[in-house]
Amino acid sequence: MEKNKAIGVFDSGVGGISVLARAAQCLPHENFIYYADTANFPYGDQNPKIIKAGLIKAAQTMAENGVKAIVVACNTATSVAIEDIREIYNFPILGMEPALKPAVEKSANKTVAVIATTLTLRESKFRHLLAQCEDKGNIINLPAPGLADLVEGGHYNDDMAAAYIDNLFAGLEHLDSVVLGCTHYLFLEPIIKKHYPNVEIIDGGSGTVRNLCRILQGEDLLSLENNGEIKVFSSKPELFIPQFQGYYDYIQKVISE
């Protein structure tokens, strides 16, 4: 049955695990396929043609292994290539975008910083989103080259991460909120809160998962029989599979909350 097929989740590396964990928490009777394009990581400084090829290959692998929907849990890949795979497959394909709209709506003084890869901030998808919101508040774009690399390497709650965050926010005062424009950055939430306790942190992962649930329910694709199995694929499995195993406790922690 179509409804018992898995849900695919894609990212360039470990960042999408934060979305996978939330989806597994909200959909305990679903199976998942996670695909990381580790061979082409990081996407933030990558050639768009390579990103498109990586996403198309990943979507093909997930489709061949039986998926009923795909979540592109990567802001950069969504901006660059999601329309390419939507032209190929007729099942739901969801993407990510920086949660800028809810940030400016909730912000008391309308001062919002957006942390994202250079490519995400440069793409037309974000520029269009910014145009819709820039008259509603003071929006500060903060390109963060190399930040996803730190998280990918496991440096998301140590002195290296702290130094990067301090340098990134140097000179900024009176921020109401910080929008995380890359799924890797959610792992930095504890250290951002530690250094900037009065700043609200907003990411788009929760909204994407809610949208996934709504779409699956609306199309009668929710499973009640699967057991939460997670299969993992990668364009460089010898590197990524050990990384994923290191994040398994994180997934289980989120599921149990």
Protein backbone atom coordinates (compact mmCIF):
# COMPACT_ATOMS: atom_id res chain seq x y z
CA MET A 1 0.00 0.00 0.00
CA GLU A 2 1.20 3.52 -0.81
CA LYS A 3 0.60 4.70 2.75
CA ASN A 4 3.06 2.14 4.12
CA LYS A 5 5.94 3.40 2.02
CA ALA A 6 8.68 5.37 3.77
CA ILE A 7 9.23 9.12 3.98
CA GLY A 8 12.46 10.35 2.44
CA VAL A 9 14.56 13.05 4.13
CA PHE A 10 17.49 14.62 2.28
CA ASP A 11 20.37 16.87 3.28
CA SER A 12 23.97 17.51 2.31
CA GLY A 13 25.08 16.00 5.63
CA VAL A 14 23.97 15.72 9.25
CA GLY A 15 21.83 18.88 9.38
CA GLY A 16 18.65 17.21 8.16
CA ILE A 17 18.85 14.79 11.09
CA SER A 18 17.27 17.58 13.14
CA VAL A 19 14.25 17.47 10.80
CA LEU A 20 14.24 13.67 10.70
CA ALA A 21 14.10 13.52 14.50
CA ARG A 22 11.10 15.86 14.67
CA ALA A 23 9.31 13.96 11.92
CA ALA A 24 9.93 10.65 13.71
CA GLN A 25 8.59 12.20 16.92
CA CYS A 26 5.37 13.41 15.26
CA LEU A 27 4.91 10.35 13.04
CA PRO A 28 5.83 7.32 15.16
CA HIS A 29 4.19 4.86 12.78
CA GLU A 30 6.20 5.94 9.76
CA ASN A 31 9.40 4.51 8.29
CA PHE A 32 12.08 6.87 7.00
CA ILE A 33 14.88 6.92 4.46
CA TYR A 34 17.64 9.46 5.14
CA TYR A 35 20.01 10.40 2.33
CA ALA A 36 23.09 12.59 2.83
CA ASP A 37 25.05 13.90 -0.15
CA THR A 38 28.25 13.80 1.87
CA ALA A 39 30.48 13.57 -1.20
CA ASN A 40 29.46 17.11 -2.17
CA PHE A 41 29.26 18.68 1.30
CA PRO A 42 29.20 21.60 2.04
CA TYR A 43 26.44 22.90 -0.22
CA GLY A 44 26.78 26.50 0.94
CA ASP A 45 29.82 27.11 -1.29
CA GLN A 46 29.01 24.50 -3.93
CA ASN A 47 28.31 24.89 -7.64
CA PRO A 48 24.50 24.88 -8.16
CA LYS A 49 24.87 22.29 -10.96
CA ILE A 50 26.49 19.87 -8.52
CA ILE A 51 23.74 20.49 -5.96
CA LYS A 52 21.06 19.74 -8.55
CA ALA A 53 22.81 16.55 -9.63
CA GLY A 54 23.21 15.44 -6.02
CA LEU A 55 19.55 16.01 -5.18
CA ILE A 56 18.33 14.29 -8.34
CA LYS A 57 20.51 11.25 -7.59
CA ALA A 58 19.31 11.14 -3.99
CA ALA A 59 15.65 11.41 -5.03
CA GLN A 60 16.12 8.58 -7.50
CA THR A 61 17.68 6.36 -4.83
CA MET A 62 14.87 7.10 -2.37
CA ALA A 63 12.18 6.56 -5.04
CA GLU A 64 13.73 3.21 -5.99
CA ASN A 65 13.60 2.18 -2.32
CA GLY A 66 9.94 3.17 -2.01
CA VAL A 67 9.00 6.59 -0.66
CA LYS A 68 5.63 8.34 -0.60
CA ALA A 69 7.07 11.81 0.07
CA ILE A 70 10.44 13.55 0.25
CA VAL A 71 11.50 16.34 2.58
CA VAL A 72 14.42 18.35 1.23
CA ALA A 73 15.75 19.25 4.67
CA CYS A 74 18.29 21.71 3.32
CA ASN A 75 17.63 25.40 2.67
CA THR A 76 20.32 25.64 0.00
CA ALA A 77 19.14 22.58 -1.94
CA THR A 78 15.54 23.82 -1.70
CA SER A 79 16.54 27.17 -3.17
CA VAL A 80 18.66 25.71 -5.94
CA ALA A 81 17.09 22.44 -7.01
CA ILE A 82 13.72 21.45 -5.51
CA GLU A 83 11.77 22.38 -8.64
CA ASP A 84 13.94 19.99 -10.65
CA ILE A 85 12.78 16.95 -8.68
CA ARG A 86 9.19 18.19 -8.49
CA GLU A 87 9.15 17.94 -12.28
CA ILE A 88 10.20 14.28 -12.09
CA TYR A 89 8.05 12.81 -9.29
CA ASN A 90 4.34 13.10 -8.55
CA PHE A 91 4.45 12.41 -4.80
CA PRO A 92 4.69 15.29 -2.27
CA ILE A 93 8.09 17.01 -2.16
CA LEU A 94 8.56 19.54 0.63
CA GLY A 95 11.38 22.02 1.05
CA MET A 96 12.79 24.42 3.61
CA GLU A 97 13.07 28.17 3.78
CA PRO A 98 14.27 30.50 6.54
CA ALA A 99 11.35 31.19 8.91
CA LEU A 100 11.56 34.93 8.30
CA LYS A 101 7.83 35.66 8.16
CA PRO A 102 7.00 34.30 11.64
CA ALA A 103 10.14 35.94 13.01
CA VAL A 104 9.16 39.47 11.98
CA GLU A 105 5.58 38.88 13.08
CA LYS A 106 6.66 37.80 16.57
CA SER A 107 9.54 40.24 16.99
CA ALA A 108 8.83 42.97 19.56
CA ASN A 109 11.22 45.55 18.10
CA LYS A 110 11.30 44.00 14.62
CA THR A 111 15.05 43.40 14.68
CA VAL A 112 15.81 40.00 13.22
CA ALA A 113 19.08 38.37 12.15
CA VAL A 114 19.09 35.59 9.54
CA ILE A 115 22.00 33.14 9.68
CA ALA A 116 22.38 31.17 6.46
CA THR A 117 24.88 29.96 3.89
CA THR A 118 26.13 32.49 1.39
CA LEU A 119 24.38 30.64 -1.43
CA THR A 120 21.01 30.54 0.35
CA LEU A 121 21.11 34.30 0.94
CA ARG A 122 22.10 34.90 -2.68
CA GLU A 123 19.43 32.74 -4.34
CA SER A 124 16.28 34.30 -5.79
CA LYS A 125 14.02 32.27 -3.49
CA PHE A 126 15.39 34.02 -0.40
CA ARG A 127 15.53 37.40 -2.13
CA HIS A 128 11.82 37.05 -2.89
CA LEU A 129 11.09 36.11 0.73
CA LEU A 130 13.14 39.05 1.95
CA ALA A 131 11.24 41.43 -0.32
CA GLN A 132 7.98 40.31 1.32
CA CYS A 133 9.29 40.98 4.82
CA GLU A 134 11.86 43.77 4.70
CA ASP A 135 9.32 46.56 5.17
CA LYS A 136 8.05 44.88 8.36
CA GLY A 137 11.25 45.12 10.37
CA ASN A 138 15.01 45.51 10.51
CA ILE A 139 16.35 42.32 8.94
CA ILE A 140 20.07 41.63 9.12
CA ASN A 141 21.51 38.97 6.83
CA LEU A 142 24.45 37.09 8.33
CA PRO A 143 26.23 34.80 5.85
CA ALA A 144 28.00 32.09 7.83
CA PRO A 145 30.63 30.39 5.65
CA GLY A 146 32.15 27.39 7.39
CA LEU A 147 29.56 27.18 10.16
CA ALA A 148 27.86 24.10 8.72
CA ASP A 149 31.31 22.53 8.42
CA LEU A 150 31.83 22.95 12.17
CA VAL A 151 28.55 21.18 12.93
CA GLU A 152 29.31 18.46 10.39
CA GLY A 153 32.59 17.87 12.19
CA GLY A 154 30.86 17.61 15.58
CA HIS A 155 31.92 21.08 16.79
CA TYR A 156 28.50 22.46 17.66
CA ASN A 157 28.77 22.86 21.43
CA ASP A 158 32.42 23.59 22.11
CA ASP A 159 34.91 26.47 22.15
CA MET A 160 35.24 26.50 18.36
CA ALA A 161 31.50 26.98 17.93
CA ALA A 162 31.38 29.59 20.68
CA ALA A 163 34.16 31.62 19.06
CA TYR A 164 32.44 31.49 15.68
CA ILE A 165 29.08 32.59 17.13
CA ASP A 166 30.67 35.45 19.10
CA ASN A 167 32.44 36.68 15.98
CA LEU A 168 29.29 36.34 13.88
CA PHE A 169 27.24 38.48 16.29
CA ALA A 170 30.01 40.98 17.04
CA GLY A 171 28.65 44.54 17.06
CA LEU A 172 25.00 43.50 16.94
CA GLU A 173 22.79 44.76 19.75
CA HIS A 174 19.10 44.59 20.63
CA LEU A 175 18.31 41.56 18.49
CA ASP A 176 14.85 40.15 19.10
CA SER A 177 15.33 36.90 17.26
CA VAL A 178 17.70 34.84 15.17
CA VAL A 179 16.40 32.84 12.21
CA LEU A 180 18.35 29.66 11.54
CA GLY A 181 18.54 29.39 7.76
CA CYS A 182 20.34 26.03 7.65
CA THR A 183 19.28 22.77 9.26
CA HIS A 184 22.81 22.24 10.56
CA TYR A 185 22.43 25.32 12.73
CA LEU A 186 19.73 23.84 14.97
CA PHE A 187 22.44 21.83 16.71
CA LEU A 188 23.96 25.19 17.72
CA GLU A 189 20.82 26.27 19.58
CA PRO A 190 22.15 25.46 23.09
CA ILE A 191 25.33 27.46 22.62
CA ILE A 192 23.50 30.42 21.04
CA LYS A 193 21.06 30.46 23.97
CA LYS A 194 23.94 30.27 26.42
CA HIS A 195 25.69 33.29 24.93
CA TYR A 196 22.56 35.26 24.00
CA PRO A 197 19.82 34.19 26.45
CA ASN A 198 17.41 36.99 25.55
CA VAL A 199 17.33 36.24 21.83
CA GLU A 200 14.57 34.00 20.49
CA ILE A 201 15.78 31.32 18.11
CA ILE A 202 13.49 30.44 15.20
CA ASP A 203 13.95 27.70 12.62
CA GLY A 204 11.75 26.33 9.89
CA GLY A 205 12.02 22.65 10.76
CA SER A 206 8.92 22.49 12.94
CA GLY A 207 6.78 24.19 10.32
CA THR A 208 8.03 21.83 7.62
CA VAL A 209 7.17 18.79 9.75
CA ARG A 210 3.68 20.18 10.49
CA ASN A 211 3.17 20.73 6.78
CA LEU A 212 4.33 17.18 6.07
CA CYS A 213 1.77 15.78 8.54
CA ARG A 214 -0.99 17.93 7.04
CA ILE A 215 -0.22 16.83 3.49
CA LEU A 216 0.05 13.12 4.34
CA GLN A 217 -3.25 13.28 6.21
CA GLY A 218 -4.95 15.22 3.42
CA GLU A 219 -3.81 12.70 0.82
CA ASP A 220 -4.65 9.70 3.04
CA LEU A 221 -1.00 8.63 3.16
CA LEU A 222 -0.52 8.33 6.92
CA SER A 223 0.65 4.90 8.03
CA LEU A 224 -0.64 3.18 11.15
CA GLU A 225 1.41 0.01 10.69
CA ASN A 226 5.08 0.93 10.24
CA ASN A 227 7.47 0.72 13.18
CA GLY A 228 9.71 3.77 12.78
CA GLU A 229 12.52 2.05 10.89
CA ILE A 230 15.22 4.38 9.52
CA LYS A 231 17.34 3.42 6.51
CA VAL A 232 20.40 5.51 5.72
CA PHE A 233 22.00 6.20 2.34
CA SER A 234 24.83 8.51 1.37
CA SER A 235 26.90 9.49 -1.64
CA LYS A 236 29.90 8.77 0.63
CA PRO A 237 28.63 6.09 3.03
CA GLU A 238 32.02 5.19 4.50
CA LEU A 239 32.15 8.69 6.00
CA PHE A 240 28.50 9.39 6.75
CA ILE A 241 27.26 6.12 8.27
CA PRO A 242 29.55 6.46 11.34
CA GLN A 243 28.44 10.11 11.66
CA PHE A 244 24.79 9.11 11.59
CA GLN A 245 25.32 6.48 14.27
CA GLY A 246 26.79 9.20 16.45
CA TYR A 247 23.56 11.19 16.13
CA TYR A 248 21.26 8.26 16.87
CA ASP A 249 21.00 9.19 20.56
CA TYR A 250 19.92 12.68 19.53
CA ILE A 251 17.10 11.22 17.44
CA GLN A 252 15.93 8.99 20.27
CA LYS A 253 16.04 11.92 22.73
CA VAL A 254 13.83 14.08 20.49
CA ILE A 255 11.40 11.20 19.90
CA SER A 256 11.03 10.60 23.64
CA GLU A 257 10.28 14.26 24.47
